[in-house]
Structures are given as structure tokens and as C-alpha cells.
Amino acid sequence: MPENNNIDLKDMDPFSKAEVGMSSSFIKTVSESDVYLYAGITGDFSPNHVDAEFMEKGAYGERVAHGTLMLGFMSAASARMYLGRTVSQGYDRVRFLKPVRFGDTITTIYKVSSIDSVKKKIIADVTCTNQRGELVAVATNIRVHIG
């Protein structure tokens, strides 16, 4: 199924054209500034993210990005799939499977797995994979059409 990364505002009812298997993607290399800006926005200054000396002594050996930054990437991939007036009802079964290190390039894939046309809901599987092909985060997103 081809990617749906383009918003077509002329399409009056894109929700009805949604198909299982449709996908969109978002690719981003995580920089130190991304992590510090995210820490500043959220107030999450855990040493896991901002204290290199502290993390040198741990199992990861270095600072890692916030897991919830991956949720932001998931939201970005979702936003690239225009389905009309829909809103996210949240992410279920969110798992952070491996650390995301500064300099990792994360590819996020948002793929429609089911459509409930009666309840006007779309369920999508979302994955974040690093440049080594390792799955670093997964979730299920629920979007509902609000008319």
C-alpha cells in the first residue's frame, strides 16, 4: 500500500477512503538539542536524559532520549496521514523496547490495521525503528472521526 504523506484538502471525505494497510512515515535523527528542548518543554530533567556522567556508570553507558519523545514521533507520522476531521483518542500498549541514543535515526511507521465505519474509528499499529533495524518503540493508536 502506498504512503499517504500528502494532505489533499480538496477531498471532502477522506475518512471514507481510508483502507487497511495505508501507511505514513516520519524519519528523524535524534540530536542532543532535541532531547534538551524536550526536557525543557516537559520538565523531565531525569539524569537518564541530561547527565552524561551519571549515565556513563549505568548499563546504557550514555544518555538516552525520552521514551515519550517517541510518542511525539508517532503523532508526527499520524499527522502525515490526512483522514479528515479526526482526533487521536490515545495510544494503547505503548512499549519502549530499546534505548534511543543521541544520533540515532528513528523511522516511525503509522499503519492502519482496522477500520470501524460504524463507530468511525481507525486503529493503527505504530512502530519506531532505529538505523540498525532495531524496534525501539511500539504502540496502537486510536483515531476517531469527529465530522
C-alpha atoms as a PDB file:
ATOM      1  CA  MET A   1       0.000   0.000   0.000  1.00  0.00           C
ATOM      2  CA  PRO A   2       1.468   3.408  -0.907  1.00  0.00           C
ATOM      3  CA  GLU A   3       2.300   6.002   1.703  1.00  0.00           C
ATOM      4  CA  ASN A   4      -0.208   8.781   2.323  1.00  0.00           C
ATOM      5  CA  ASN A   5       2.092  11.693   3.241  1.00  0.00           C
ATOM      6  CA  ASN A   6       0.255  14.400   1.306  1.00  0.00           C
ATOM      7  CA  ILE A   7      -2.704  16.341   2.607  1.00  0.00           C
ATOM      8  CA  ASP A   8      -5.376  16.767  -0.058  1.00  0.00           C
ATOM      9  CA  LEU A   9      -7.749  19.397   1.266  1.00  0.00           C
ATOM     10  CA  LYS A  10      -9.955  19.097  -1.833  1.00  0.00           C
ATOM     11  CA  ASP A  11     -11.028  15.631  -0.733  1.00  0.00           C
ATOM     12  CA  MET A  12     -14.219  16.255   1.229  1.00  0.00           C
ATOM     13  CA  ASP A  13     -14.476  12.848   2.926  1.00  0.00           C
ATOM     14  CA  PRO A  14     -11.030  11.264   3.238  1.00  0.00           C
ATOM     15  CA  PHE A  15     -12.171   9.116   6.178  1.00  0.00           C
ATOM     16  CA  SER A  16     -14.436   7.085   3.893  1.00  0.00           C
ATOM     17  CA  LYS A  17     -11.490   6.411   1.582  1.00  0.00           C
ATOM     18  CA  ALA A  18      -9.273   5.013   4.350  1.00  0.00           C
ATOM     19  CA  GLU A  19      -8.098   1.445   3.808  1.00  0.00           C
ATOM     20  CA  VAL A  20      -6.471  -1.169   5.991  1.00  0.00           C
ATOM     21  CA  GLY A  21      -2.783  -1.205   5.122  1.00  0.00           C
ATOM     22  CA  MET A  22      -2.487   2.532   4.403  1.00  0.00           C
ATOM     23  CA  SER A  23       0.657   3.919   5.965  1.00  0.00           C
ATOM     24  CA  SER A  24       2.604   7.079   6.568  1.00  0.00           C
ATOM     25  CA  SER A  25       6.052   7.659   7.975  1.00  0.00           C
ATOM     26  CA  PHE A  26       8.213  10.145   9.826  1.00  0.00           C
ATOM     27  CA  ILE A  27      12.024   9.975   9.959  1.00  0.00           C
ATOM     28  CA  LYS A  28      14.144  11.981  12.400  1.00  0.00           C
ATOM     29  CA  THR A  29      17.687  11.830  13.720  1.00  0.00           C
ATOM     30  CA  VAL A  30      17.614  12.465  17.477  1.00  0.00           C
ATOM     31  CA  SER A  31      20.053  15.193  18.464  1.00  0.00           C
ATOM     32  CA  GLU A  32      21.249  16.358  21.846  1.00  0.00           C
ATOM     33  CA  SER A  33      19.329  19.593  21.344  1.00  0.00           C
ATOM     34  CA  ASP A  34      16.109  17.630  20.643  1.00  0.00           C
ATOM     35  CA  VAL A  35      16.459  15.893  23.992  1.00  0.00           C
ATOM     36  CA  TYR A  36      17.275  19.082  25.915  1.00  0.00           C
ATOM     37  CA  LEU A  37      14.443  21.024  24.266  1.00  0.00           C
ATOM     38  CA  TYR A  38      12.043  18.181  25.058  1.00  0.00           C
ATOM     39  CA  ALA A  39      13.290  18.145  28.659  1.00  0.00           C
ATOM     40  CA  GLY A  40      12.654  21.880  28.887  1.00  0.00           C
ATOM     41  CA  ILE A  41       9.165  21.643  27.418  1.00  0.00           C
ATOM     42  CA  THR A  42       8.085  18.720  29.598  1.00  0.00           C
ATOM     43  CA  GLY A  43      10.100  19.434  32.737  1.00  0.00           C
ATOM     44  CA  ASP A  44      11.558  15.901  32.614  1.00  0.00           C
ATOM     45  CA  PHE A  45      15.188  16.505  33.523  1.00  0.00           C
ATOM     46  CA  SER A  46      15.844  12.930  34.604  1.00  0.00           C
ATOM     47  CA  PRO A  47      19.588  12.208  34.702  1.00  0.00           C
ATOM     48  CA  ASN A  48      18.879   9.428  32.194  1.00  0.00           C
ATOM     49  CA  HIS A  49      18.478  12.162  29.598  1.00  0.00           C
ATOM     50  CA  VAL A  50      20.669  15.076  30.693  1.00  0.00           C
ATOM     51  CA  ASP A  51      23.502  13.814  32.939  1.00  0.00           C
ATOM     52  CA  ALA A  52      26.289  12.213  30.891  1.00  0.00           C
ATOM     53  CA  GLU A  53      28.481  11.424  33.928  1.00  0.00           C
ATOM     54  CA  PHE A  54      25.620   9.710  35.746  1.00  0.00           C
ATOM     55  CA  MET A  55      24.724   7.612  32.694  1.00  0.00           C
ATOM     56  CA  GLU A  56      28.354   6.627  31.947  1.00  0.00           C
ATOM     57  CA  LYS A  57      28.243   4.408  35.018  1.00  0.00           C
ATOM     58  CA  GLY A  58      24.996   2.665  34.090  1.00  0.00           C
ATOM     59  CA  ALA A  59      24.035  -0.173  31.774  1.00  0.00           C
ATOM     60  CA  TYR A  60      23.487   2.129  28.778  1.00  0.00           C
ATOM     61  CA  GLY A  61      26.803   3.942  29.184  1.00  0.00           C
ATOM     62  CA  GLU A  62      25.402   7.209  27.847  1.00  0.00           C
ATOM     63  CA  ARG A  63      22.378   9.495  27.922  1.00  0.00           C
ATOM     64  CA  VAL A  64      19.252   8.343  26.124  1.00  0.00           C
ATOM     65  CA  ALA A  65      16.238  10.128  24.660  1.00  0.00           C
ATOM     66  CA  HIS A  66      12.933  10.243  26.481  1.00  0.00           C
ATOM     67  CA  GLY A  67      10.659   7.348  25.578  1.00  0.00           C
ATOM     68  CA  THR A  68       7.798   9.789  25.317  1.00  0.00           C
ATOM     69  CA  LEU A  69       9.687  11.641  22.585  1.00  0.00           C
ATOM     70  CA  MET A  70       8.945   8.537  20.501  1.00  0.00           C
ATOM     71  CA  LEU A  71       5.233   9.187  21.123  1.00  0.00           C
ATOM     72  CA  GLY A  72       5.791  12.596  19.578  1.00  0.00           C
ATOM     73  CA  PHE A  73       7.293  10.914  16.518  1.00  0.00           C
ATOM     74  CA  MET A  74       4.255   8.615  16.408  1.00  0.00           C
ATOM     75  CA  SER A  75       1.996  11.657  16.456  1.00  0.00           C
ATOM     76  CA  ALA A  76       4.022  13.220  13.632  1.00  0.00           C
ATOM     77  CA  ALA A  77       3.639  10.082  11.496  1.00  0.00           C
ATOM     78  CA  SER A  78      -0.091  10.049  12.260  1.00  0.00           C
ATOM     79  CA  ALA A  79      -0.467  13.685  11.223  1.00  0.00           C
ATOM     80  CA  ARG A  80       1.030  12.851   7.822  1.00  0.00           C
ATOM     81  CA  MET A  81      -1.984  10.634   7.105  1.00  0.00           C
ATOM     82  CA  TYR A  82      -4.811  13.051   6.477  1.00  0.00           C
ATOM     83  CA  LEU A  83      -8.131  11.405   7.264  1.00  0.00           C
ATOM     84  CA  GLY A  84     -10.346  14.457   7.511  1.00  0.00           C
ATOM     85  CA  ARG A  85     -11.574  15.675  10.853  1.00  0.00           C
ATOM     86  CA  THR A  86     -10.169  13.033  13.141  1.00  0.00           C
ATOM     87  CA  VAL A  87      -8.638  13.220  16.588  1.00  0.00           C
ATOM     88  CA  SER A  88      -6.446  10.797  18.444  1.00  0.00           C
ATOM     89  CA  GLN A  89      -8.143   9.093  21.360  1.00  0.00           C
ATOM     90  CA  GLY A  90      -4.759   7.945  22.579  1.00  0.00           C
ATOM     91  CA  TYR A  91      -2.107   5.303  22.319  1.00  0.00           C
ATOM     92  CA  ASP A  92      -2.564   1.829  23.787  1.00  0.00           C
ATOM     93  CA  ARG A  93       0.019  -0.842  24.512  1.00  0.00           C
ATOM     94  CA  VAL A  94       2.872   1.670  24.386  1.00  0.00           C
ATOM     95  CA  ARG A  95       6.224  -0.039  24.899  1.00  0.00           C
ATOM     96  CA  PHE A  96       9.732   1.399  24.866  1.00  0.00           C
ATOM     97  CA  LEU A  97      11.757  -1.642  23.840  1.00  0.00           C
ATOM     98  CA  LYS A  98      15.305  -0.324  23.468  1.00  0.00           C
ATOM     99  CA  PRO A  99      17.096   2.895  24.352  1.00  0.00           C
ATOM    100  CA  VAL A 100      17.221   5.647  21.763  1.00  0.00           C
ATOM    101  CA  ARG A 101      20.671   7.196  21.780  1.00  0.00           C
ATOM    102  CA  PHE A 102      21.709  10.655  20.635  1.00  0.00           C
ATOM    103  CA  GLY A 103      22.434  10.391  16.921  1.00  0.00           C
ATOM    104  CA  ASP A 104      20.020   7.508  16.272  1.00  0.00           C
ATOM    105  CA  THR A 105      17.840   7.950  13.210  1.00  0.00           C
ATOM    106  CA  ILE A 106      14.324   6.801  14.010  1.00  0.00           C
ATOM    107  CA  THR A 107      11.881   5.728  11.323  1.00  0.00           C
ATOM    108  CA  THR A 108       8.301   5.796  12.532  1.00  0.00           C
ATOM    109  CA  ILE A 109       5.658   3.908  10.554  1.00  0.00           C
ATOM    110  CA  TYR A 110       1.943   4.522  11.138  1.00  0.00           C
ATOM    111  CA  LYS A 111      -0.116   1.746   9.524  1.00  0.00           C
ATOM    112  CA  VAL A 112      -3.902   1.355   9.557  1.00  0.00           C
ATOM    113  CA  SER A 113      -4.747  -2.083  10.943  1.00  0.00           C
ATOM    114  CA  SER A 114      -8.550  -1.855  11.208  1.00  0.00           C
ATOM    115  CA  ILE A 115     -11.456   0.455  10.462  1.00  0.00           C
ATOM    116  CA  ASP A 116     -14.788   0.566  12.273  1.00  0.00           C
ATOM    117  CA  SER A 117     -17.030   2.528   9.902  1.00  0.00           C
ATOM    118  CA  VAL A 118     -19.984   2.389  12.328  1.00  0.00           C
ATOM    119  CA  LYS A 119     -18.064   3.943  15.241  1.00  0.00           C
ATOM    120  CA  LYS A 120     -15.972   5.966  12.771  1.00  0.00           C
ATOM    121  CA  LYS A 121     -12.718   4.749  14.328  1.00  0.00           C
ATOM    122  CA  ILE A 122      -9.410   3.843  12.803  1.00  0.00           C
ATOM    123  CA  ILE A 123      -6.897   1.691  14.634  1.00  0.00           C
ATOM    124  CA  ALA A 124      -3.259   1.878  13.592  1.00  0.00           C
ATOM    125  CA  ASP A 125      -0.126  -0.016  14.571  1.00  0.00           C
ATOM    126  CA  VAL A 126       2.796   2.316  15.098  1.00  0.00           C
ATOM    127  CA  THR A 127       6.462   1.335  15.185  1.00  0.00           C
ATOM    128  CA  CYS A 128       9.708   3.215  15.747  1.00  0.00           C
ATOM    129  CA  THR A 129      12.855   1.570  14.386  1.00  0.00           C
ATOM    130  CA  ASN A 130      16.435   2.798  14.617  1.00  0.00           C
ATOM    131  CA  GLN A 131      19.003   2.868  11.813  1.00  0.00           C
ATOM    132  CA  ARG A 132      20.171  -0.640  12.777  1.00  0.00           C
ATOM    133  CA  GLY A 133      16.676  -2.008  12.148  1.00  0.00           C
ATOM    134  CA  GLU A 134      16.012  -2.475  15.867  1.00  0.00           C
ATOM    135  CA  LEU A 135      12.479  -1.893  17.086  1.00  0.00           C
ATOM    136  CA  VAL A 136      12.739   0.761  19.811  1.00  0.00           C
ATOM    137  CA  ALA A 137       9.069   1.592  20.466  1.00  0.00           C
ATOM    138  CA  VAL A 138       5.603   0.335  19.546  1.00  0.00           C
ATOM    139  CA  ALA A 139       2.023   1.403  20.177  1.00  0.00           C
ATOM    140  CA  THR A 140      -1.528   1.178  18.902  1.00  0.00           C
ATOM    141  CA  ASN A 141      -3.254   4.449  18.041  1.00  0.00           C
ATOM    142  CA  ILE A 142      -6.991   5.082  18.015  1.00  0.00           C
ATOM    143  CA  ARG A 143      -8.351   7.879  15.836  1.00  0.00           C
ATOM    144  CA  VAL A 144     -11.993   8.858  15.675  1.00  0.00           C
ATOM    145  CA  HIS A 145     -13.782  10.883  13.007  1.00  0.00           C
ATOM    146  CA  ILE A 146     -15.423  13.960  14.522  1.00  0.00           C
ATOM    147  CA  GLY A 147     -17.281  15.103  11.402  1.00  0.00           C
END
